[in-house]
């Protein structure tokens, strides 16, 4: 796997996790709206569980994202 492909995968996964964080957070605070929009699939308890369990992949992907970004920085001689 090339470095560019790995960077793209991490970027997209991080974006998906952030969007899921926003949606589940909204599902906790405005559960009536979210439940009706998702046809009852994302209930308040389910949104809370997902929201609480997203921090592990979020932190892991954020660390990978930062690491990949710092590897490409020019070094001073």
C-alpha atoms as a PDB file:
ATOM      1  CA  UNK A   1       0.000   0.000   0.000  1.00  0.00           C
ATOM      2  CA  UNK A   2       1.413   3.358  -0.927  1.00  0.00           C
ATOM      3  CA  UNK A   3       1.734   6.184   1.552  1.00  0.00           C
ATOM      4  CA  UNK A   4      -0.748   8.336  -0.376  1.00  0.00           C
ATOM      5  CA  UNK A   5      -3.383   5.592  -0.289  1.00  0.00           C
ATOM      6  CA  UNK A   6      -2.818   5.076   3.439  1.00  0.00           C
ATOM      7  CA  UNK A   7      -3.200   8.824   4.025  1.00  0.00           C
ATOM      8  CA  UNK A   8      -6.446   8.913   2.034  1.00  0.00           C
ATOM      9  CA  UNK A   9      -7.875   5.951   3.965  1.00  0.00           C
ATOM     10  CA  UNK A  10      -7.045   7.537   7.331  1.00  0.00           C
ATOM     11  CA  UNK A  11      -8.469  10.892   6.208  1.00  0.00           C
ATOM     12  CA  UNK A  12     -11.751   9.364   5.055  1.00  0.00           C
ATOM     13  CA  UNK A  13     -12.132   7.166   8.127  1.00  0.00           C
ATOM     14  CA  UNK A  14     -11.456  10.141  10.400  1.00  0.00           C
ATOM     15  CA  UNK A  15     -14.057  12.187   8.518  1.00  0.00           C
ATOM     16  CA  UNK A  16     -16.607   9.372   8.873  1.00  0.00           C
ATOM     17  CA  UNK A  17     -15.955   9.068  12.607  1.00  0.00           C
ATOM     18  CA  UNK A  18     -16.302  12.839  13.085  1.00  0.00           C
ATOM     19  CA  UNK A  19     -19.593  12.850  11.167  1.00  0.00           C
ATOM     20  CA  UNK A  20     -20.821   9.909  13.257  1.00  0.00           C
ATOM     21  CA  UNK A  21     -19.828  11.821  16.397  1.00  0.00           C
ATOM     22  CA  UNK A  22     -21.890  14.805  15.276  1.00  0.00           C
ATOM     23  CA  UNK A  23     -24.917  12.722  14.290  1.00  0.00           C
ATOM     24  CA  UNK A  24     -24.917  10.657  17.484  1.00  0.00           C
ATOM     25  CA  UNK A  25     -24.410  13.774  19.603  1.00  0.00           C
ATOM     26  CA  UNK A  26     -27.372  15.320  17.848  1.00  0.00           C
ATOM     27  CA  UNK A  27     -29.221  12.025  18.411  1.00  0.00           C
ATOM     28  CA  UNK A  28     -28.657  12.405  22.138  1.00  0.00           C
ATOM     29  CA  UNK A  29     -29.718  16.030  22.424  1.00  0.00           C
ATOM     30  CA  UNK A  30     -32.425  16.167  19.745  1.00  0.00           C
ATOM     31  CA  UNK A  31     -33.506  12.522  19.808  1.00  0.00           C
ATOM     32  CA  UNK A  32     -37.058  13.140  18.606  1.00  0.00           C
ATOM     33  CA  UNK A  33     -35.863  14.708  15.363  1.00  0.00           C
ATOM     34  CA  UNK A  34     -33.158  12.100  14.755  1.00  0.00           C
ATOM     35  CA  UNK A  35     -35.467   9.176  15.529  1.00  0.00           C
ATOM     36  CA  UNK A  36     -38.018  10.430  13.033  1.00  0.00           C
ATOM     37  CA  UNK A  37     -35.375  11.131  10.358  1.00  0.00           C
ATOM     38  CA  UNK A  38     -33.849   7.656  10.754  1.00  0.00           C
ATOM     39  CA  UNK A  39     -37.276   5.985  10.945  1.00  0.00           C
ATOM     40  CA  UNK A  40     -36.599   4.858  14.504  1.00  0.00           C
ATOM     41  CA  UNK A  41     -33.226   3.253  13.799  1.00  0.00           C
ATOM     42  CA  UNK A  42     -31.141   5.674  15.861  1.00  0.00           C
ATOM     43  CA  UNK A  43     -32.786   5.906  19.248  1.00  0.00           C
ATOM     44  CA  UNK A  44     -31.462   7.985  22.117  1.00  0.00           C
ATOM     45  CA  UNK A  45     -29.956   4.995  24.019  1.00  0.00           C
ATOM     46  CA  UNK A  46     -28.314   3.656  20.852  1.00  0.00           C
ATOM     47  CA  UNK A  47     -26.937   7.081  19.947  1.00  0.00           C
ATOM     48  CA  UNK A  48     -25.521   7.391  23.458  1.00  0.00           C
ATOM     49  CA  UNK A  49     -23.809   3.974  23.243  1.00  0.00           C
ATOM     50  CA  UNK A  50     -22.316   4.704  19.836  1.00  0.00           C
ATOM     51  CA  UNK A  51     -21.228   8.196  20.901  1.00  0.00           C
ATOM     52  CA  UNK A  52     -19.480   6.853  24.004  1.00  0.00           C
ATOM     53  CA  UNK A  53     -17.665   4.126  22.052  1.00  0.00           C
ATOM     54  CA  UNK A  54     -16.423   6.352  19.227  1.00  0.00           C
ATOM     55  CA  UNK A  55     -13.632   7.943  21.248  1.00  0.00           C
ATOM     56  CA  UNK A  56     -11.251   4.970  20.792  1.00  0.00           C
ATOM     57  CA  UNK A  57     -11.332   4.952  16.977  1.00  0.00           C
ATOM     58  CA  UNK A  58     -11.355   8.761  16.962  1.00  0.00           C
ATOM     59  CA  UNK A  59      -8.176   9.017  19.037  1.00  0.00           C
ATOM     60  CA  UNK A  60      -6.448   6.231  17.092  1.00  0.00           C
ATOM     61  CA  UNK A  61      -7.270   7.802  13.732  1.00  0.00           C
ATOM     62  CA  UNK A  62      -6.328  11.269  14.957  1.00  0.00           C
ATOM     63  CA  UNK A  63      -2.915  10.011  16.105  1.00  0.00           C
ATOM     64  CA  UNK A  64      -2.387   8.265  12.747  1.00  0.00           C
ATOM     65  CA  UNK A  65      -3.443  11.402  10.904  1.00  0.00           C
ATOM     66  CA  UNK A  66      -1.029  13.586  12.868  1.00  0.00           C
ATOM     67  CA  UNK A  67       1.783  11.042  12.483  1.00  0.00           C
ATOM     68  CA  UNK A  68       1.297  10.858   8.727  1.00  0.00           C
ATOM     69  CA  UNK A  69       1.307  14.637   8.521  1.00  0.00           C
ATOM     70  CA  UNK A  70       4.497  15.042  10.526  1.00  0.00           C
ATOM     71  CA  UNK A  71       6.398  12.471   8.444  1.00  0.00           C
ATOM     72  CA  UNK A  72       6.094  14.715   5.393  1.00  0.00           C
ATOM     73  CA  UNK A  73       7.449  17.853   7.045  1.00  0.00           C
ATOM     74  CA  UNK A  74      10.799  19.072   5.756  1.00  0.00           C
ATOM     75  CA  UNK A  75      13.663  18.657   8.204  1.00  0.00           C
ATOM     76  CA  UNK A  76      16.137  21.378   9.131  1.00  0.00           C
ATOM     77  CA  UNK A  77      19.807  20.633   8.562  1.00  0.00           C
END
